[in-house]
Amino acid sequence: MEIKSKLWIESEGKPVFGRGRRFLLEAIGRHGSINQAAKEINISYRKAWGYIRAMEERLGFKLIERQTGGKNGGGATLTEEADRFLRKYEELEMGIREIVDEKFVRIFKGDRL
């Protein structure tokens, strides 16, 4: 058996960041494209942009640098702040997971559920 938990950050009762939004930013980082990232995580481009705008507004810093189309096409890259935020969130997530796993083992050790 194993325990599962979810972690997300809210501001004034509104979601700021969580697993799905992390997946979106990571996919943008891999693909260099909001459209490709949205396809990868099965959301619309419009929804992806809505998430990005809301995160930027609630976090108070820019996450994405966009390049409009042209001869070489457009694209999107993560800002340095976005990279730092993702690393910190991952560290937090791993720490929470360790705490939850330890607590689970301590409480349910030897129990048959």
PDB file of N, CA and C in Angstrom:
ATOM      1  N   MET A   1       0.827  -1.182   0.000  1.00  0.00           N
ATOM      2  CA  MET A   1       0.000   0.000   0.000  1.00  0.00           C
ATOM      3  C   MET A   1       0.868   1.240   0.000  1.00  0.00           C
ATOM      4  N   GLU A   2       0.300   2.292  -0.543  1.00  0.00           N
ATOM      5  CA  GLU A   2       0.983   3.576  -0.504  1.00  0.00           C
ATOM      6  C   GLU A   2      -0.047   4.686  -0.354  1.00  0.00           C
ATOM      7  N   ILE A   3       0.405   5.813   0.139  1.00  0.00           N
ATOM      8  CA  ILE A   3      -0.468   6.967   0.366  1.00  0.00           C
ATOM      9  C   ILE A   3      -0.264   7.958  -0.783  1.00  0.00           C
ATOM     10  N   LYS A   4      -1.319   8.628  -1.187  1.00  0.00           N
ATOM     11  CA  LYS A   4      -1.266   9.663  -2.221  1.00  0.00           C
ATOM     12  C   LYS A   4      -1.783  10.958  -1.618  1.00  0.00           C
ATOM     13  N   SER A   5      -1.193  12.049  -2.039  1.00  0.00           N
ATOM     14  CA  SER A   5      -1.670  13.349  -1.578  1.00  0.00           C
ATOM     15  C   SER A   5      -1.535  14.346  -2.710  1.00  0.00           C
ATOM     16  N   LYS A   6      -2.301  15.431  -2.617  1.00  0.00           N
ATOM     17  CA  LYS A   6      -2.239  16.494  -3.603  1.00  0.00           C
ATOM     18  C   LYS A   6      -1.823  17.774  -2.901  1.00  0.00           C
ATOM     19  N   LEU A   7      -1.059  18.566  -3.618  1.00  0.00           N
ATOM     20  CA  LEU A   7      -0.570  19.820  -3.086  1.00  0.00           C
ATOM     21  C   LEU A   7      -0.850  20.905  -4.115  1.00  0.00           C
ATOM     22  N   TRP A   8      -1.385  22.019  -3.657  1.00  0.00           N
ATOM     23  CA  TRP A   8      -1.539  23.165  -4.542  1.00  0.00           C
ATOM     24  C   TRP A   8      -1.434  24.432  -3.728  1.00  0.00           C
ATOM     25  N   ILE A   9      -1.164  25.516  -4.414  1.00  0.00           N
ATOM     26  CA  ILE A   9      -1.020  26.816  -3.777  1.00  0.00           C
ATOM     27  C   ILE A   9      -2.204  27.677  -4.186  1.00  0.00           C
ATOM     28  N   GLU A  10      -2.794  28.354  -3.209  1.00  0.00           N
ATOM     29  CA  GLU A  10      -3.904  29.263  -3.460  1.00  0.00           C
ATOM     30  C   GLU A  10      -3.546  30.656  -2.972  1.00  0.00           C
ATOM     31  N   SER A  11      -4.222  31.645  -3.532  1.00  0.00           N
ATOM     32  CA  SER A  11      -4.119  33.020  -3.070  1.00  0.00           C
ATOM     33  C   SER A  11      -5.531  33.580  -3.007  1.00  0.00           C
ATOM     34  N   GLU A  12      -5.937  33.980  -1.830  1.00  0.00           N
ATOM     35  CA  GLU A  12      -7.290  34.513  -1.611  1.00  0.00           C
ATOM     36  C   GLU A  12      -8.360  33.553  -2.125  1.00  0.00           C
ATOM     37  N   GLY A  13      -8.140  32.265  -1.871  1.00  0.00           N
ATOM     38  CA  GLY A  13      -9.105  31.236  -2.238  1.00  0.00           C
ATOM     39  C   GLY A  13      -9.089  30.837  -3.708  1.00  0.00           C
ATOM     40  N   LYS A  14      -8.189  31.402  -4.488  1.00  0.00           N
ATOM     41  CA  LYS A  14      -8.108  31.076  -5.915  1.00  0.00           C
ATOM     42  C   LYS A  14      -6.844  30.264  -6.173  1.00  0.00           C
ATOM     43  N   PRO A  15      -6.954  29.235  -7.042  1.00  0.00           N
ATOM     44  CA  PRO A  15      -5.776  28.412  -7.313  1.00  0.00           C
ATOM     45  C   PRO A  15      -4.692  29.205  -8.025  1.00  0.00           C
ATOM     46  N   VAL A  16      -3.468  29.026  -7.570  1.00  0.00           N
ATOM     47  CA  VAL A  16      -2.317  29.676  -8.179  1.00  0.00           C
ATOM     48  C   VAL A  16      -1.478  28.641  -8.912  1.00  0.00           C
ATOM     49  N   PHE A  17      -1.204  27.535  -8.228  1.00  0.00           N
ATOM     50  CA  PHE A  17      -0.295  26.557  -8.802  1.00  0.00           C
ATOM     51  C   PHE A  17      -0.541  25.195  -8.196  1.00  0.00           C
ATOM     52  N   GLY A  18      -0.426  24.175  -9.034  1.00  0.00           N
ATOM     53  CA  GLY A  18      -0.572  22.797  -8.598  1.00  0.00           C
ATOM     54  C   GLY A  18       0.013  21.877  -9.657  1.00  0.00           C
ATOM     55  N   ARG A  19      -0.293  20.640  -9.538  1.00  0.00           N
ATOM     56  CA  ARG A  19       0.289  19.620 -10.411  1.00  0.00           C
ATOM     57  C   ARG A  19       0.011  19.861 -11.898  1.00  0.00           C
ATOM     58  N   GLY A  20      -1.239  20.143 -12.242  1.00  0.00           N
ATOM     59  CA  GLY A  20      -1.598  20.359 -13.649  1.00  0.00           C
ATOM     60  C   GLY A  20      -0.895  21.560 -14.254  1.00  0.00           C
ATOM     61  N   ARG A  21      -0.804  22.626 -13.494  1.00  0.00           N
ATOM     62  CA  ARG A  21      -0.128  23.828 -13.988  1.00  0.00           C
ATOM     63  C   ARG A  21       1.384  23.608 -14.066  1.00  0.00           C
ATOM     64  N   ARG A  22       1.893  22.790 -13.162  1.00  0.00           N
ATOM     65  CA  ARG A  22       3.312  22.421 -13.246  1.00  0.00           C
ATOM     66  C   ARG A  22       3.562  21.661 -14.535  1.00  0.00           C
ATOM     67  N   PHE A  23       2.679  20.686 -14.857  1.00  0.00           N
ATOM     68  CA  PHE A  23       2.821  19.921 -16.091  1.00  0.00           C
ATOM     69  C   PHE A  23       2.790  20.842 -17.310  1.00  0.00           C
ATOM     70  N   LEU A  24       1.919  21.858 -17.278  1.00  0.00           N
ATOM     71  CA  LEU A  24       1.825  22.806 -18.391  1.00  0.00           C
ATOM     72  C   LEU A  24       3.145  23.546 -18.574  1.00  0.00           C
ATOM     73  N   LEU A  25       3.682  24.111 -17.500  1.00  0.00           N
ATOM     74  CA  LEU A  25       4.937  24.856 -17.616  1.00  0.00           C
ATOM     75  C   LEU A  25       6.087  23.951 -18.050  1.00  0.00           C
ATOM     76  N   GLU A  26       6.153  22.756 -17.498  1.00  0.00           N
ATOM     77  CA  GLU A  26       7.220  21.824 -17.900  1.00  0.00           C
ATOM     78  C   GLU A  26       7.114  21.476 -19.383  1.00  0.00           C
ATOM     79  N   ALA A  27       5.891  21.298 -19.869  1.00  0.00           N
ATOM     80  CA  ALA A  27       5.685  20.976 -21.291  1.00  0.00           C
ATOM     81  C   ALA A  27       6.069  22.166 -22.175  1.00  0.00           C
ATOM     82  N   ILE A  28       5.768  23.375 -21.736  1.00  0.00           N
ATOM     83  CA  ILE A  28       6.190  24.563 -22.491  1.00  0.00           C
ATOM     84  C   ILE A  28       7.714  24.594 -22.557  1.00  0.00           C
ATOM     85  N   GLY A  29       8.357  24.299 -21.441  1.00  0.00           N
ATOM     86  CA  GLY A  29       9.811  24.258 -21.421  1.00  0.00           C
ATOM     87  C   GLY A  29      10.388  23.235 -22.389  1.00  0.00           C
ATOM     88  N   ARG A  30       9.750  22.074 -22.492  1.00  0.00           N
ATOM     89  CA  ARG A  30      10.229  21.018 -23.395  1.00  0.00           C
ATOM     90  C   ARG A  30       9.993  21.365 -24.857  1.00  0.00           C
ATOM     91  N   HIS A  31       8.790  21.873 -25.153  1.00  0.00           N
ATOM     92  CA  HIS A  31       8.382  22.072 -26.546  1.00  0.00           C
ATOM     93  C   HIS A  31       8.689  23.458 -27.095  1.00  0.00           C
ATOM     94  N   GLY A  32       8.855  24.447 -26.208  1.00  0.00           N
ATOM     95  CA  GLY A  32       9.037  25.809 -26.689  1.00  0.00           C
ATOM     96  C   GLY A  32       7.784  26.343 -27.351  1.00  0.00           C
ATOM     97  N   SER A  33       6.631  25.789 -26.946  1.00  0.00           N
ATOM     98  CA  SER A  33       5.364  26.139 -27.581  1.00  0.00           C
ATOM     99  C   SER A  33       4.208  25.928 -26.601  1.00  0.00           C
ATOM    100  N   ILE A  34       3.385  26.951 -26.463  1.00  0.00           N
ATOM    101  CA  ILE A  34       2.197  26.819 -25.616  1.00  0.00           C
ATOM    102  C   ILE A  34       1.209  25.863 -26.263  1.00  0.00           C
ATOM    103  N   ASN A  35       1.071  25.968 -27.570  1.00  0.00           N
ATOM    104  CA  ASN A  35       0.131  25.111 -28.295  1.00  0.00           C
ATOM    105  C   ASN A  35       0.508  23.633 -28.151  1.00  0.00           C
ATOM    106  N   GLN A  36       1.778  23.306 -28.352  1.00  0.00           N
ATOM    107  CA  GLN A  36       2.228  21.912 -28.217  1.00  0.00           C
ATOM    108  C   GLN A  36       2.089  21.425 -26.781  1.00  0.00           C
ATOM    109  N   ALA A  37       2.392  22.307 -25.829  1.00  0.00           N
ATOM    110  CA  ALA A  37       2.268  21.936 -24.418  1.00  0.00           C
ATOM    111  C   ALA A  37       0.810  21.638 -24.074  1.00  0.00           C
ATOM    112  N   ALA A  38      -0.094  22.476 -24.555  1.00  0.00           N
ATOM    113  CA  ALA A  38      -1.521  22.273 -24.294  1.00  0.00           C
ATOM    114  C   ALA A  38      -1.987  20.936 -24.865  1.00  0.00           C
ATOM    115  N   LYS A  39      -1.551  20.626 -26.076  1.00  0.00           N
ATOM    116  CA  LYS A  39      -1.911  19.334 -26.690  1.00  0.00           C
ATOM    117  C   LYS A  39      -1.390  18.170 -25.854  1.00  0.00           C
ATOM    118  N   GLU A  40      -0.149  18.296 -25.372  1.00  0.00           N
ATOM    119  CA  GLU A  40       0.443  17.212 -24.593  1.00  0.00           C
ATOM    120  C   GLU A  40      -0.357  16.913 -23.332  1.00  0.00           C
ATOM    121  N   ILE A  41      -0.851  17.947 -22.663  1.00  0.00           N
ATOM    122  CA  ILE A  41      -1.578  17.710 -21.412  1.00  0.00           C
ATOM    123  C   ILE A  41      -3.092  17.705 -21.610  1.00  0.00           C
ATOM    124  N   ASN A  42      -3.518  17.687 -22.874  1.00  0.00           N
ATOM    125  CA  ASN A  42      -4.936  17.553 -23.233  1.00  0.00           C
ATOM    126  C   ASN A  42      -5.826  18.682 -22.724  1.00  0.00           C
ATOM    127  N   ILE A  43      -5.374  19.918 -22.929  1.00  0.00           N
ATOM    128  CA  ILE A  43      -6.235  21.074 -22.689  1.00  0.00           C
ATOM    129  C   ILE A  43      -6.170  21.963 -23.918  1.00  0.00           C
ATOM    130  N   SER A  44      -7.115  22.869 -24.037  1.00  0.00           N
ATOM    131  CA  SER A  44      -7.116  23.769 -25.182  1.00  0.00           C
ATOM    132  C   SER A  44      -6.047  24.847 -25.015  1.00  0.00           C
ATOM    133  N   TYR A  45      -5.649  25.415 -26.136  1.00  0.00           N
ATOM    134  CA  TYR A  45      -4.697  26.525 -26.118  1.00  0.00           C
ATOM    135  C   TYR A  45      -5.267  27.668 -25.289  1.00  0.00           C
ATOM    136  N   ARG A  46      -6.532  27.933 -25.449  1.00  0.00           N
ATOM    137  CA  ARG A  46      -7.203  29.011 -24.709  1.00  0.00           C
ATOM    138  C   ARG A  46      -7.139  28.774 -23.195  1.00  0.00           C
ATOM    139  N   LYS A  47      -7.399  27.545 -22.782  1.00  0.00           N
ATOM    140  CA  LYS A  47      -7.336  27.217 -21.353  1.00  0.00           C
ATOM    141  C   LYS A  47      -5.907  27.355 -20.835  1.00  0.00           C
ATOM    142  N   ALA A  48      -4.927  26.910 -21.629  1.00  0.00           N
ATOM    143  CA  ALA A  48      -3.520  27.042 -21.240  1.00  0.00           C
ATOM    144  C   ALA A  48      -3.180  28.512 -21.019  1.00  0.00           C
ATOM    145  N   TRP A  49      -3.620  29.370 -21.932  1.00  0.00           N
ATOM    146  CA  TRP A  49      -3.344  30.801 -21.781  1.00  0.00           C
ATOM    147  C   TRP A  49      -4.048  31.373 -20.562  1.00  0.00           C
ATOM    148  N   GLY A  50      -5.245  30.903 -20.297  1.00  0.00           N
ATOM    149  CA  GLY A  50      -5.960  31.348 -19.098  1.00  0.00           C
ATOM    150  C   GLY A  50      -5.200  30.974 -17.839  1.00  0.00           C
ATOM    151  N   TYR A  51      -4.661  29.763 -17.797  1.00  0.00           N
ATOM    152  CA  TYR A  51      -3.862  29.320 -16.650  1.00  0.00           C
ATOM    153  C   TYR A  51      -2.609  30.183 -16.497  1.00  0.00           C
ATOM    154  N   ILE A  52      -1.941  30.438 -17.610  1.00  0.00           N
ATOM    155  CA  ILE A  52      -0.706  31.233 -17.570  1.00  0.00           C
ATOM    156  C   ILE A  52      -0.998  32.637 -17.059  1.00  0.00           C
ATOM    157  N   ARG A  53      -2.015  33.284 -17.610  1.00  0.00           N
ATOM    158  CA  ARG A  53      -2.370  34.649 -17.169  1.00  0.00           C
ATOM    159  C   ARG A  53      -2.712  34.681 -15.691  1.00  0.00           C
ATOM    160  N   ALA A  54      -3.517  33.709 -15.245  1.00  0.00           N
ATOM    161  CA  ALA A  54      -3.918  33.672 -13.829  1.00  0.00           C
ATOM    162  C   ALA A  54      -2.707  33.443 -12.930  1.00  0.00           C
ATOM    163  N   MET A  55      -1.823  32.523 -13.325  1.00  0.00           N
ATOM    164  CA  MET A  55      -0.631  32.272 -12.511  1.00  0.00           C
ATOM    165  C   MET A  55       0.235  33.519 -12.431  1.00  0.00           C
ATOM    166  N   GLU A  56       0.473  34.154 -13.562  1.00  0.00           N
ATOM    167  CA  GLU A  56       1.315  35.349 -13.570  1.00  0.00           C
ATOM    168  C   GLU A  56       0.707  36.456 -12.711  1.00  0.00           C
ATOM    169  N   GLU A  57      -0.585  36.632 -12.823  1.00  0.00           N
ATOM    170  CA  GLU A  57      -1.260  37.668 -12.036  1.00  0.00           C
ATOM    171  C   GLU A  57      -1.158  37.374 -10.538  1.00  0.00           C
ATOM    172  N   ARG A  58      -1.424  36.145 -10.161  1.00  0.00           N
ATOM    173  CA  ARG A  58      -1.454  35.788  -8.736  1.00  0.00           C
ATOM    174  C   ARG A  58      -0.065  35.624  -8.130  1.00  0.00           C
ATOM    175  N   LEU A  59       0.917  35.229  -8.947  1.00  0.00           N
ATOM    176  CA  LEU A  59       2.288  35.099  -8.446  1.00  0.00           C
ATOM    177  C   LEU A  59       3.020  36.443  -8.455  1.00  0.00           C
ATOM    178  N   GLY A  60       2.606  37.314  -9.353  1.00  0.00           N
ATOM    179  CA  GLY A  60       3.220  38.637  -9.425  1.00  0.00           C
ATOM    180  C   GLY A  60       4.489  38.703 -10.252  1.00  0.00           C
ATOM    181  N   PHE A  61       4.708  37.703 -11.115  1.00  0.00           N
ATOM    182  CA  PHE A  61       5.856  37.768 -12.027  1.00  0.00           C
ATOM    183  C   PHE A  61       5.540  37.003 -13.298  1.00  0.00           C
ATOM    184  N   LYS A  62       6.295  37.328 -14.347  1.00  0.00           N
ATOM    185  CA  LYS A  62       6.107  36.733 -15.662  1.00  0.00           C
ATOM    186  C   LYS A  62       6.688  35.322 -15.697  1.00  0.00           C
ATOM    187  N   LEU A  63       5.941  34.402 -16.275  1.00  0.00           N
ATOM    188  CA  LEU A  63       6.368  33.008 -16.380  1.00  0.00           C
ATOM    189  C   LEU A  63       6.851  32.646 -17.781  1.00  0.00           C
ATOM    190  N   ILE A  64       6.263  33.290 -18.785  1.00  0.00           N
ATOM    191  CA  ILE A  64       6.487  32.920 -20.180  1.00  0.00           C
ATOM    192  C   ILE A  64       6.971  34.122 -20.980  1.00  0.00           C
ATOM    193  N   GLU A  65       7.974  33.906 -21.810  1.00  0.00           N
ATOM    194  CA  GLU A  65       8.387  34.877 -22.819  1.00  0.00           C
ATOM    195  C   GLU A  65       7.912  34.333 -24.160  1.00  0.00           C
ATOM    196  N   ARG A  66       7.127  35.132 -24.867  1.00  0.00           N
ATOM    197  CA  ARG A  66       6.594  34.699 -26.165  1.00  0.00           C
ATOM    198  C   ARG A  66       7.315  35.379 -27.307  1.00  0.00           C
ATOM    199  N   GLN A  67       7.504  34.632 -28.375  1.00  0.00           N
ATOM    200  CA  GLN A  67       7.999  35.183 -29.620  1.00  0.00           C
ATOM    201  C   GLN A  67       6.901  34.983 -30.651  1.00  0.00           C
ATOM    202  N   THR A  68       6.461  36.062 -31.262  1.00  0.00           N
ATOM    203  CA  THR A  68       5.394  35.951 -32.250  1.00  0.00           C
ATOM    204  C   THR A  68       5.939  35.308 -33.517  1.00  0.00           C
ATOM    205  N   GLY A  69       5.028  34.817 -34.330  1.00  0.00           N
ATOM    206  CA  GLY A  69       5.402  34.114 -35.558  1.00  0.00           C
ATOM    207  C   GLY A  69       6.223  34.979 -36.489  1.00  0.00           C
ATOM    208  N   GLY A  70       6.643  34.395 -37.532  1.00  0.00           N
ATOM    209  CA  GLY A  70       7.483  35.075 -38.508  1.00  0.00           C
ATOM    210  C   GLY A  70       8.127  34.025 -39.380  1.00  0.00           C
ATOM    211  N   LYS A  71       9.255  34.365 -39.939  1.00  0.00           N
ATOM    212  CA  LYS A  71       9.948  33.435 -40.832  1.00  0.00           C
ATOM    213  C   LYS A  71      10.236  32.099 -40.144  1.00  0.00           C
ATOM    214  N   ASN A  72      10.684  32.164 -38.900  1.00  0.00           N
ATOM    215  CA  ASN A  72      11.018  30.940 -38.165  1.00  0.00           C
ATOM    216  C   ASN A  72       9.894  30.478 -37.248  1.00  0.00           C
ATOM    217  N   GLY A  73       8.733  31.091 -37.325  1.00  0.00           N
ATOM    218  CA  GLY A  73       7.615  30.727 -36.460  1.00  0.00           C
ATOM    219  C   GLY A  73       7.755  31.337 -35.084  1.00  0.00           C
ATOM    220  N   GLY A  74       6.730  31.203 -34.297  1.00  0.00           N
ATOM    221  CA  GLY A  74       6.738  31.754 -32.945  1.00  0.00           C
ATOM    222  C   GLY A  74       7.227  30.730 -31.951  1.00  0.00           C
ATOM    223  N   GLY A  75       7.056  31.067 -30.710  1.00  0.00           N
ATOM    224  CA  GLY A  75       7.455  30.127 -29.682  1.00  0.00           C
ATOM    225  C   GLY A  75       7.274  30.738 -28.311  1.00  0.00           C
ATOM    226  N   ALA A  76       7.590  29.957 -27.306  1.00  0.00           N
ATOM    227  CA  ALA A  76       7.469  30.407 -25.924  1.00  0.00           C
ATOM    228  C   ALA A  76       8.562  29.736 -25.104  1.00  0.00           C
ATOM    229  N   THR A  77       9.128  30.499 -24.205  1.00  0.00           N
ATOM    230  CA  THR A  77      10.128  29.957 -23.299  1.00  0.00           C
ATOM    231  C   THR A  77       9.782  30.363 -21.879  1.00  0.00           C
ATOM    232  N   LEU A  78      10.244  29.570 -20.932  1.00  0.00           N
ATOM    233  CA  LEU A  78      10.034  29.894 -19.526  1.00  0.00           C
ATOM    234  C   LEU A  78      11.028  30.978 -19.108  1.00  0.00           C
ATOM    235  N   THR A  79      10.564  31.876 -18.258  1.00  0.00           N
ATOM    236  CA  THR A  79      11.453  32.894 -17.715  1.00  0.00           C
ATOM    237  C   THR A  79      12.337  32.260 -16.641  1.00  0.00           C
ATOM    238  N   GLU A  80      13.386  32.975 -16.250  1.00  0.00           N
ATOM    239  CA  GLU A  80      14.234  32.496 -15.161  1.00  0.00           C
ATOM    240  C   GLU A  80      13.419  32.355 -13.880  1.00  0.00           C
ATOM    241  N   GLU A  81      12.482  33.292 -13.660  1.00  0.00           N
ATOM    242  CA  GLU A  81      11.628  33.223 -12.469  1.00  0.00           C
ATOM    243  C   GLU A  81      10.779  31.961 -12.487  1.00  0.00           C
ATOM    244  N   ALA A  82      10.268  31.601 -13.667  1.00  0.00           N
ATOM    245  CA  ALA A  82       9.470  30.375 -13.794  1.00  0.00           C
ATOM    246  C   ALA A  82      10.314  29.150 -13.479  1.00  0.00           C
ATOM    247  N   ASP A  83      11.543  29.108 -14.014  1.00  0.00           N
ATOM    248  CA  ASP A  83      12.442  27.982 -13.726  1.00  0.00           C
ATOM    249  C   ASP A  83      12.705  27.865 -12.223  1.00  0.00           C
ATOM    250  N   ARG A  84      12.998  28.992 -11.582  1.00  0.00           N
ATOM    251  CA  ARG A  84      13.251  28.989 -10.134  1.00  0.00           C
ATOM    252  C   ARG A  84      12.019  28.529  -9.365  1.00  0.00           C
ATOM    253  N   PHE A  85      10.860  29.051  -9.763  1.00  0.00           N
ATOM    254  CA  PHE A  85       9.613  28.678  -9.089  1.00  0.00           C
ATOM    255  C   PHE A  85       9.348  27.192  -9.230  1.00  0.00           C
ATOM    256  N   LEU A  86       9.539  26.629 -10.429  1.00  0.00           N
ATOM    257  CA  LEU A  86       9.338  25.191 -10.640  1.00  0.00           C
ATOM    258  C   LEU A  86      10.261  24.359  -9.759  1.00  0.00           C
ATOM    259  N   ARG A  87      11.528  24.758  -9.649  1.00  0.00           N
ATOM    260  CA  ARG A  87      12.468  24.021  -8.795  1.00  0.00           C
ATOM    261  C   ARG A  87      12.033  24.073  -7.331  1.00  0.00           C
ATOM    262  N   LYS A  88      11.610  25.246  -6.869  1.00  0.00           N
ATOM    263  CA  LYS A  88      11.168  25.382  -5.487  1.00  0.00           C
ATOM    264  C   LYS A  88       9.905  24.563  -5.231  1.00  0.00           C
ATOM    265  N   TYR A  89       8.973  24.583  -6.179  1.00  0.00           N
ATOM    266  CA  TYR A  89       7.741  23.814  -6.028  1.00  0.00           C
ATOM    267  C   TYR A  89       8.047  22.320  -5.976  1.00  0.00           C
ATOM    268  N   GLU A  90       8.955  21.873  -6.846  1.00  0.00           N
ATOM    269  CA  GLU A  90       9.333  20.459  -6.844  1.00  0.00           C
ATOM    270  C   GLU A  90       9.965  20.072  -5.510  1.00  0.00           C
ATOM    271  N   GLU A  91      10.810  20.942  -4.970  1.00  0.00           N
ATOM    272  CA  GLU A  91      11.434  20.681  -3.668  1.00  0.00           C
ATOM    273  C   GLU A  91      10.370  20.601  -2.573  1.00  0.00           C
ATOM    274  N   LEU A  92       9.421  21.510  -2.609  1.00  0.00           N
ATOM    275  CA  LEU A  92       8.319  21.486  -1.643  1.00  0.00           C
ATOM    276  C   LEU A  92       7.508  20.204  -1.776  1.00  0.00           C
ATOM    277  N   GLU A  93       7.164  19.847  -3.001  1.00  0.00           N
ATOM    278  CA  GLU A  93       6.369  18.643  -3.260  1.00  0.00           C
ATOM    279  C   GLU A  93       7.082  17.390  -2.745  1.00  0.00           C
ATOM    280  N   MET A  94       8.373  17.285  -3.004  1.00  0.00           N
ATOM    281  CA  MET A  94       9.136  16.120  -2.526  1.00  0.00           C
ATOM    282  C   MET A  94       9.179  16.093  -1.002  1.00  0.00           C
ATOM    283  N   GLY A  95       9.365  17.250  -0.386  1.00  0.00           N
ATOM    284  CA  GLY A  95       9.396  17.322   1.072  1.00  0.00           C
ATOM    285  C   GLY A  95       8.073  16.917   1.693  1.00  0.00           C
ATOM    286  N   ILE A  96       6.986  17.385   1.128  1.00  0.00           N
ATOM    287  CA  ILE A  96       5.645  17.027   1.621  1.00  0.00           C
ATOM    288  C   ILE A  96       5.427  15.525   1.455  1.00  0.00           C
ATOM    289  N   ARG A  97       5.827  14.992   0.309  1.00  0.00           N
ATOM    290  CA  ARG A  97       5.666  13.556   0.057  1.00  0.00           C
ATOM    291  C   ARG A  97       6.439  12.736   1.085  1.00  0.00           C
ATOM    292  N   GLU A  98       7.658  13.151   1.409  1.00  0.00           N
ATOM    293  CA  GLU A  98       8.457  12.446   2.417  1.00  0.00           C
ATOM    294  C   GLU A  98       7.768  12.460   3.772  1.00  0.00           C
ATOM    295  N   ILE A  99       7.259  13.623   4.157  1.00  0.00           N
ATOM    296  CA  ILE A  99       6.570  13.744   5.448  1.00  0.00           C
ATOM    297  C   ILE A  99       5.330  12.861   5.490  1.00  0.00           C
ATOM    298  N   VAL A 100       4.541  12.899   4.430  1.00  0.00           N
ATOM    299  CA  VAL A 100       3.302  12.110   4.368  1.00  0.00           C
ATOM    300  C   VAL A 100       3.633  10.619   4.384  1.00  0.00           C
ATOM    301  N   ASP A 101       4.643  10.210   3.615  1.00  0.00           N
ATOM    302  CA  ASP A 101       5.038   8.793   3.591  1.00  0.00           C
ATOM    303  C   ASP A 101       5.487   8.321   4.970  1.00  0.00           C
ATOM    304  N   GLU A 102       6.316   9.115   5.642  1.00  0.00           N
ATOM    305  CA  GLU A 102       6.789   8.753   6.984  1.00  0.00           C
ATOM    306  C   GLU A 102       5.626   8.638   7.966  1.00  0.00           C
ATOM    307  N   LYS A 103       4.729   9.590   7.921  1.00  0.00           N
ATOM    308  CA  LYS A 103       3.579   9.589   8.822  1.00  0.00           C
ATOM    309  C   LYS A 103       2.695   8.372   8.547  1.00  0.00           C
ATOM    310  N   PHE A 104       2.473   8.061   7.285  1.00  0.00           N
ATOM    311  CA  PHE A 104       1.658   6.907   6.902  1.00  0.00           C
ATOM    312  C   PHE A 104       2.248   5.626   7.478  1.00  0.00           C
ATOM    313  N   VAL A 105       3.539   5.439   7.272  1.00  0.00           N
ATOM    314  CA  VAL A 105       4.209   4.237   7.774  1.00  0.00           C
ATOM    315  C   VAL A 105       4.103   4.173   9.287  1.00  0.00           C
ATOM    316  N   ARG A 106       4.349   5.288   9.952  1.00  0.00           N
ATOM    317  CA  ARG A 106       4.312   5.317  11.418  1.00  0.00           C
ATOM    318  C   ARG A 106       2.910   4.981  11.952  1.00  0.00           C
ATOM    319  N   ILE A 107       1.887   5.494  11.320  1.00  0.00           N
ATOM    320  CA  ILE A 107       0.516   5.284  11.807  1.00  0.00           C
ATOM    321  C   ILE A 107      -0.022   3.912  11.428  1.00  0.00           C
ATOM    322  N   PHE A 108       0.251   3.453  10.211  1.00  0.00           N
ATOM    323  CA  PHE A 108      -0.344   2.218   9.732  1.00  0.00           C
ATOM    324  C   PHE A 108       0.600   1.028   9.727  1.00  0.00           C
ATOM    325  N   LYS A 109       1.778   1.167  10.269  1.00  0.00           N
ATOM    326  CA  LYS A 109       2.759   0.093  10.268  1.00  0.00           C
ATOM    327  C   LYS A 109       2.144  -1.190  10.825  1.00  0.00           C
ATOM    328  N   GLY A 110       2.193  -2.234  10.019  1.00  0.00           N
ATOM    329  CA  GLY A 110       1.705  -3.529  10.464  1.00  0.00           C
ATOM    330  C   GLY A 110       0.204  -3.729  10.342  1.00  0.00           C
ATOM    331  N   ASP A 111      -0.554  -2.674  10.056  1.00  0.00           N
ATOM    332  CA  ASP A 111      -2.012  -2.817   9.919  1.00  0.00           C
ATOM    333  C   ASP A 111      -2.367  -3.433   8.566  1.00  0.00           C
ATOM    334  N   ARG A 112      -3.404  -4.236   8.581  1.00  0.00           N
ATOM    335  CA  ARG A 112      -3.950  -4.779   7.332  1.00  0.00           C
ATOM    336  C   ARG A 112      -5.241  -4.023   7.053  1.00  0.00           C
ATOM    337  N   LEU A 113      -5.261  -3.330   5.943  1.00  0.00           N
ATOM    338  CA  LEU A 113      -6.460  -2.541   5.583  1.00  0.00           C
ATOM    339  C   LEU A 113      -7.259  -3.205   4.509  1.00  0.00           C
TER     340      LEU A 113
END
